[in-house]
Protein backbone atom coordinates (compact mmCIF):
# COMPACT_ATOMS: atom_id res chain seq x y z
CA MET A 1 -77.06 40.94 15.85
CA GLU A 2 -77.22 44.64 16.39
CA LYS A 3 -79.46 46.87 14.31
CA THR A 4 -77.43 49.01 11.89
CA LYS A 5 -78.31 52.31 10.13
CA LEU A 6 -75.90 53.61 7.49
CA THR A 7 -76.30 57.08 6.00
CA PHE A 8 -74.29 57.98 2.90
CA LEU A 9 -72.82 61.50 3.62
CA GLY A 10 -70.91 61.63 0.42
CA THR A 11 -70.62 59.29 -2.57
CA GLY A 12 -68.20 61.22 -4.82
CA THR A 13 -64.69 60.71 -5.88
CA SER A 14 -61.76 62.82 -4.58
CA GLN A 15 -62.73 65.82 -6.60
CA GLY A 16 -66.44 65.55 -6.02
CA VAL A 17 -69.24 65.89 -8.55
CA PRO A 18 -69.65 68.37 -10.14
CA MET A 19 -65.90 68.81 -10.59
CA ILE A 20 -64.38 72.30 -10.68
CA GLY A 21 -64.46 73.74 -14.20
CA CYS A 22 -66.14 70.83 -15.90
CA ASP A 23 -69.08 71.17 -18.19
CA CYS A 24 -69.83 67.48 -18.97
CA PRO A 25 -73.46 66.29 -18.82
CA VAL A 26 -72.91 64.65 -15.39
CA CYS A 27 -71.47 67.79 -13.87
CA ARG A 28 -74.39 69.90 -15.41
CA SER A 29 -76.99 67.39 -14.32
CA ALA A 30 -80.02 68.86 -12.43
CA ASP A 31 -80.72 65.57 -10.58
CA PRO A 32 -79.71 66.06 -7.02
CA ARG A 33 -78.46 62.44 -6.88
CA ASP A 34 -75.68 63.63 -9.22
CA LYS A 35 -74.37 66.20 -6.69
CA ARG A 36 -71.76 64.15 -4.81
CA LEU A 37 -69.64 65.26 -1.88
CA ARG A 38 -66.51 63.42 -1.03
CA SER A 39 -67.14 59.86 0.21
CA SER A 40 -68.05 59.23 3.81
CA VAL A 41 -70.74 57.39 5.86
CA LEU A 42 -72.39 57.83 9.23
CA VAL A 43 -73.21 54.59 11.02
CA GLU A 44 -75.48 54.14 13.94
CA TYR A 45 -74.70 50.72 15.56
CA GLY A 46 -75.44 49.38 19.03
CA GLY A 47 -76.48 52.77 20.12
CA LEU A 48 -73.21 54.38 19.05
CA THR A 49 -72.71 56.93 16.29
CA ILE A 50 -69.65 56.30 14.23
CA LEU A 51 -68.30 58.25 11.22
CA VAL A 52 -66.29 56.51 8.51
CA ASP A 53 -63.85 59.05 7.00
CA CYS A 54 -63.76 62.70 7.56
CA GLY A 55 -63.08 64.54 4.34
CA PRO A 56 -63.04 68.04 3.25
CA ASP A 57 -66.86 68.20 3.16
CA PHE A 58 -67.21 67.03 6.80
CA ARG A 59 -68.55 70.43 8.10
CA TYR A 60 -71.28 70.66 5.50
CA GLN A 61 -72.20 66.96 5.88
CA MET A 62 -72.66 67.31 9.61
CA LEU A 63 -74.82 70.38 9.15
CA ARG A 64 -76.94 68.87 6.42
CA GLU A 65 -77.70 65.76 8.55
CA SER A 66 -78.04 67.70 11.80
CA VAL A 67 -75.44 65.49 13.51
CA ARG A 68 -74.93 66.60 17.09
CA HIS A 69 -73.07 63.55 18.49
CA LEU A 70 -70.16 61.37 17.57
CA ASP A 71 -68.62 58.52 19.49
CA ALA A 72 -65.83 57.73 17.04
CA ILE A 73 -64.26 58.25 13.66
CA LEU A 74 -62.94 55.39 11.67
CA LEU A 75 -60.36 56.17 8.89
CA THR A 76 -60.04 53.95 5.89
CA HIS A 77 -56.68 55.39 4.84
CA ASN A 78 -54.83 58.60 4.76
CA HIS A 79 -55.72 60.43 1.61
CA LYS A 80 -56.86 63.96 1.95
CA ASP A 81 -60.27 63.39 0.59
CA HIS A 82 -60.79 61.05 3.59
CA THR A 83 -59.00 63.03 6.36
CA GLY A 84 -59.12 66.61 5.25
CA GLY A 85 -62.01 67.56 7.64
CA LEU A 86 -60.51 66.51 10.86
CA ASP A 87 -59.74 69.91 12.15
CA ASP A 88 -63.47 70.69 12.17
CA VAL A 89 -63.90 67.95 14.83
CA ARG A 90 -63.14 70.98 17.20
CA SER A 91 -66.92 71.64 16.95
CA PHE A 92 -67.75 68.33 18.64
CA ASN A 93 -65.08 68.93 21.26
CA LEU A 94 -66.88 72.21 22.20
CA LEU A 95 -70.42 70.80 21.75
CA GLU A 96 -69.95 67.61 23.78
CA ALA A 97 -66.98 68.62 26.00
CA LYS A 98 -65.31 65.38 25.03
CA PRO A 99 -62.41 64.30 22.89
CA VAL A 100 -63.12 62.35 19.71
CA ASN A 101 -61.80 58.81 19.36
CA ILE A 102 -60.19 58.02 15.99
CA TYR A 103 -59.43 54.51 14.91
CA CYS A 104 -56.91 53.99 12.18
CA GLN A 105 -53.86 52.08 10.99
CA GLU A 106 -50.36 53.02 12.23
CA TYR A 107 -49.26 54.60 8.96
CA VAL A 108 -52.44 56.77 9.00
CA GLU A 109 -51.69 57.97 12.46
CA GLN A 110 -48.21 58.95 11.41
CA SER A 111 -49.65 60.83 8.46
CA LEU A 112 -52.02 62.70 10.88
CA ARG A 113 -49.12 63.62 13.12
CA ARG A 114 -47.37 65.32 10.13
CA GLU A 115 -50.39 66.99 8.69
CA TYR A 116 -51.97 67.99 12.06
CA SER A 117 -48.84 68.39 14.09
CA TYR A 118 -50.55 71.09 16.24
CA ALA A 119 -53.16 68.54 17.42
CA PHE A 120 -50.39 66.27 18.81
CA ALA A 121 -48.06 69.02 20.30
CA GLU A 122 -47.08 68.62 23.92
CA LYS A 123 -48.15 72.15 24.49
CA LYS A 124 -51.16 72.69 22.32
CA TYR A 125 -52.31 75.97 20.77
CA PRO A 126 -55.61 76.76 22.59
CA GLY A 127 -58.59 75.30 20.76
CA SER A 128 -56.68 72.66 18.86
CA PRO A 129 -58.65 69.36 18.10
CA GLU A 130 -58.80 67.04 21.00
CA TRP A 131 -58.43 63.42 19.64
CA ASN A 132 -57.59 60.02 21.08
CA VAL A 133 -55.96 57.92 18.41
CA HIS A 134 -56.41 54.15 18.54
CA ARG A 135 -54.36 51.89 16.26
CA ILE A 136 -56.14 49.09 14.41
CA GLY A 137 -55.22 46.39 11.97
CA ARG A 138 -56.94 43.29 10.43
CA ASP A 139 -58.34 41.95 13.70
CA PRO A 140 -61.79 42.85 15.03
CA PHE A 141 -61.75 45.70 17.43
CA LEU A 142 -64.09 47.46 20.01
CA VAL A 143 -65.47 50.99 19.63
CA HIS A 144 -66.42 52.66 22.78
CA SER A 145 -68.96 55.31 23.72
CA ASN A 146 -67.37 58.72 24.19
CA ALA A 147 -69.38 59.10 27.41
CA GLY A 148 -66.49 57.40 29.22
CA GLU A 149 -63.91 59.95 27.91
CA PRO A 150 -62.52 62.75 30.08
CA THR A 151 -64.61 65.87 30.25
CA LEU A 152 -63.05 68.95 28.48
CA VAL A 153 -63.20 72.14 30.47
CA TRP A 154 -62.34 75.25 28.56
CA GLU A 155 -60.04 77.88 29.93
CA SER A 156 -59.64 81.04 27.91
CA GLY A 157 -56.13 81.55 26.65
CA PHE A 158 -55.03 78.15 27.80
CA GLY A 159 -57.28 75.58 26.10
CA TYR A 160 -58.84 72.51 27.47
CA HIS A 161 -58.30 70.91 30.84
CA HIS A 162 -59.07 67.14 31.05
CA GLU A 163 -61.23 66.20 34.00
CA ALA A 164 -62.73 62.90 35.18
CA PRO A 165 -65.90 61.94 33.18
CA SER A 166 -69.26 62.31 34.80
CA ASP A 167 -71.20 59.35 36.07
CA SER A 168 -73.55 59.27 33.07
CA GLU A 169 -74.67 55.86 31.74
CA ILE A 170 -72.16 54.47 29.31
CA LEU A 171 -73.31 52.14 26.48
CA PRO A 172 -71.47 48.89 25.93
CA PRO A 173 -68.85 48.84 23.18
CA VAL A 174 -69.51 47.44 19.73
CA GLU A 175 -67.35 45.09 17.68
CA ILE A 176 -66.18 46.25 14.29
CA VAL A 177 -64.71 43.90 11.72
CA PRO A 178 -62.04 45.41 9.43
CA ILE A 179 -61.69 44.28 5.80
CA GLN A 180 -58.17 44.51 4.47
CA GLY A 181 -57.83 45.87 1.01
CA TRP A 182 -55.34 47.75 -1.21
CA HIS A 183 -55.55 51.01 -3.15
CA HIS A 184 -53.13 49.82 -5.77
CA LYS A 185 -52.67 46.41 -7.31
CA THR A 186 -48.96 46.50 -6.13
CA LYS A 187 -50.20 46.74 -2.60
CA MET A 188 -48.70 50.18 -2.36
CA LEU A 189 -51.37 51.53 -0.03
CA SER A 190 -53.28 49.65 2.67
CA VAL A 191 -57.07 50.51 3.06
CA LEU A 192 -59.47 49.08 5.61
CA GLY A 193 -63.15 48.55 4.96
CA PHE A 194 -65.49 47.90 7.87
CA ARG A 195 -68.31 45.52 8.65
CA PHE A 196 -71.06 46.61 11.10
CA GLY A 197 -73.43 43.72 11.71
CA LYS A 198 -74.89 42.88 8.36
CA ILE A 199 -73.68 45.91 6.54
CA ALA A 200 -70.15 46.24 5.08
CA TYR A 201 -68.63 49.51 3.77
CA LEU A 202 -65.62 49.27 1.50
CA THR A 203 -64.09 52.11 -0.53
CA ASP A 204 -60.91 53.20 -2.32
CA MET A 205 -59.82 49.68 -3.16
CA ASN A 206 -58.91 47.64 -6.24
CA GLN A 207 -57.95 44.55 -4.48
CA ILE A 208 -59.36 42.61 -1.42
CA GLU A 209 -57.05 40.13 0.43
CA GLU A 210 -58.40 36.60 -0.32
CA SER A 211 -58.38 35.81 3.37
CA GLU A 212 -60.93 38.61 3.94
CA PHE A 213 -63.80 37.25 2.02
CA ASP A 214 -65.02 35.01 4.95
CA LYS A 215 -65.65 38.26 6.84
CA LEU A 216 -68.22 39.31 4.13
CA LYS A 217 -70.46 36.28 4.37
CA GLY A 218 -74.13 36.78 5.26
CA LEU A 219 -74.49 40.50 4.51
CA ASP A 220 -77.66 42.44 3.88
CA PHE A 221 -75.82 45.25 2.24
CA VAL A 222 -72.27 45.91 0.87
CA THR A 223 -70.75 48.89 -0.78
CA LEU A 224 -67.73 49.02 -3.12
CA ASN A 225 -66.04 51.85 -4.98
CA CYS A 226 -65.97 52.48 -8.71
CA VAL A 227 -64.80 55.60 -10.47
CA LYS A 228 -65.27 54.63 -14.08
CA ILE A 229 -66.26 51.67 -16.41
CA LYS A 230 -62.80 50.98 -17.63
CA PRO A 231 -59.90 49.62 -15.47
CA HIS A 232 -58.40 52.05 -13.10
CA PHE A 233 -54.93 51.74 -11.34
CA SER A 234 -56.32 52.28 -7.79
CA HIS A 235 -60.16 51.64 -8.00
CA PHE A 236 -62.40 48.89 -9.15
CA SER A 237 -63.53 48.99 -12.70
CA LEU A 238 -67.28 48.53 -13.00
CA GLN A 239 -66.94 44.87 -14.09
CA GLU A 240 -64.51 44.17 -11.25
CA ALA A 241 -67.06 45.64 -8.80
CA LEU A 242 -69.95 43.62 -10.27
CA ASP A 243 -67.85 40.42 -10.16
CA LEU A 244 -67.03 41.03 -6.45
CA PHE A 245 -70.67 41.89 -5.65
CA GLU A 246 -71.60 38.47 -7.14
CA ARG A 247 -68.91 36.67 -5.14
CA ILE A 248 -69.84 38.46 -1.87
CA GLY A 249 -73.49 37.66 -2.35
CA ALA A 250 -75.06 40.36 -0.27
CA LYS A 251 -78.82 40.88 -0.66
CA GLU A 252 -78.29 44.34 -2.13
CA SER A 253 -75.10 46.03 -3.27
CA TYR A 254 -74.18 49.72 -3.71
CA ILE A 255 -71.47 51.59 -5.64
CA THR A 256 -69.85 54.65 -4.09
CA HIS A 257 -66.91 56.90 -4.71
CA ILE A 258 -68.48 57.77 -8.08
CA SER A 259 -66.92 60.18 -10.55
CA HIS A 260 -68.22 62.18 -13.45
CA LEU A 261 -66.75 59.57 -15.72
CA LEU A 262 -69.69 57.26 -14.91
CA PRO A 263 -73.16 58.15 -16.33
CA CYS A 264 -75.75 60.27 -14.56
CA HIS A 265 -77.41 58.50 -11.75
CA GLU A 266 -80.64 57.52 -13.60
CA ASP A 267 -78.76 56.16 -16.59
CA PHE A 268 -76.11 54.35 -14.42
CA ALA A 269 -78.90 52.67 -12.33
CA ALA A 270 -80.45 51.37 -15.56
CA MET A 271 -77.21 49.65 -16.58
CA LEU A 272 -76.76 47.67 -13.42
CA PRO A 273 -78.25 44.24 -12.34
CA PRO A 274 -81.43 44.50 -10.20
CA HIS A 275 -79.59 43.90 -6.89
CA VAL A 276 -76.88 46.53 -7.61
CA HIS A 277 -77.47 50.28 -7.25
CA PRO A 278 -75.48 53.56 -7.45
CA ALA A 279 -75.45 55.15 -3.96
CA TYR A 280 -76.21 58.83 -3.58
CA ASP A 281 -75.72 61.45 -0.97
CA GLY A 282 -78.42 61.13 1.80
CA LEU A 283 -79.30 57.48 1.02
CA VAL A 284 -80.04 55.43 4.20
CA LEU A 285 -79.63 51.78 4.55
CA GLU A 286 -81.05 49.84 7.62
CA SER A 287 -80.40 46.29 8.68
CA GLU A 288 -81.82 44.28 11.66
């Protein structure tokens, strides 16, 4: 089993914490663990560096963590708090002279084609993002090192030319296991979680397909979303999340996509069972 390191880049809900214009105790908290960017994680797995979701805070998250390399981006779904930073991938195109591989469901790709039409144009505006989009579903899939991608060569006024990659060493691909969930109990919106070795990251769900629980056995760490204690139409309530943590049976469990409707970090942590914890921005999990 590959060693896995997961860093929480953001643990907040779609509006982040503090929320614009709010004066509640959580939004006024001085605890840095209550300052939450939009939800995203960086995963180092099998020598590859993989981003899960690329929201509006992507630029700051990359700067804060001093990230200088990305092999791939996995998208859980198409909501803007999970895709709104994709234009800033241009910095990695320039830094690494490589396109960025994006893995997502077909409907997410179609959404990207509408929202970022300039990135898919046959004749691109110079400097548009350079992506390779790979469609995924419920079946395990391979993520490859970007070292094997074409080299991007910049020509002023034209944009990038794609040339053959260099002969640099290419790490073997890693297998990722997707977890099918839904962002609404009517199955209105499909969301994928992902398992990397003994760590599983699931967010923006309030239902997990029954057939998917076998994929969640034997975990060291699992993450689920919760925005408030009471039921929510598209996220797990606190009790629903706790019940699922118990069923999954990971050694340690973490809550993410946290809103200001939940208590401050210290108070929230005191409410939870010993093996369940509120995640916070910058938290690192490591599994052998």
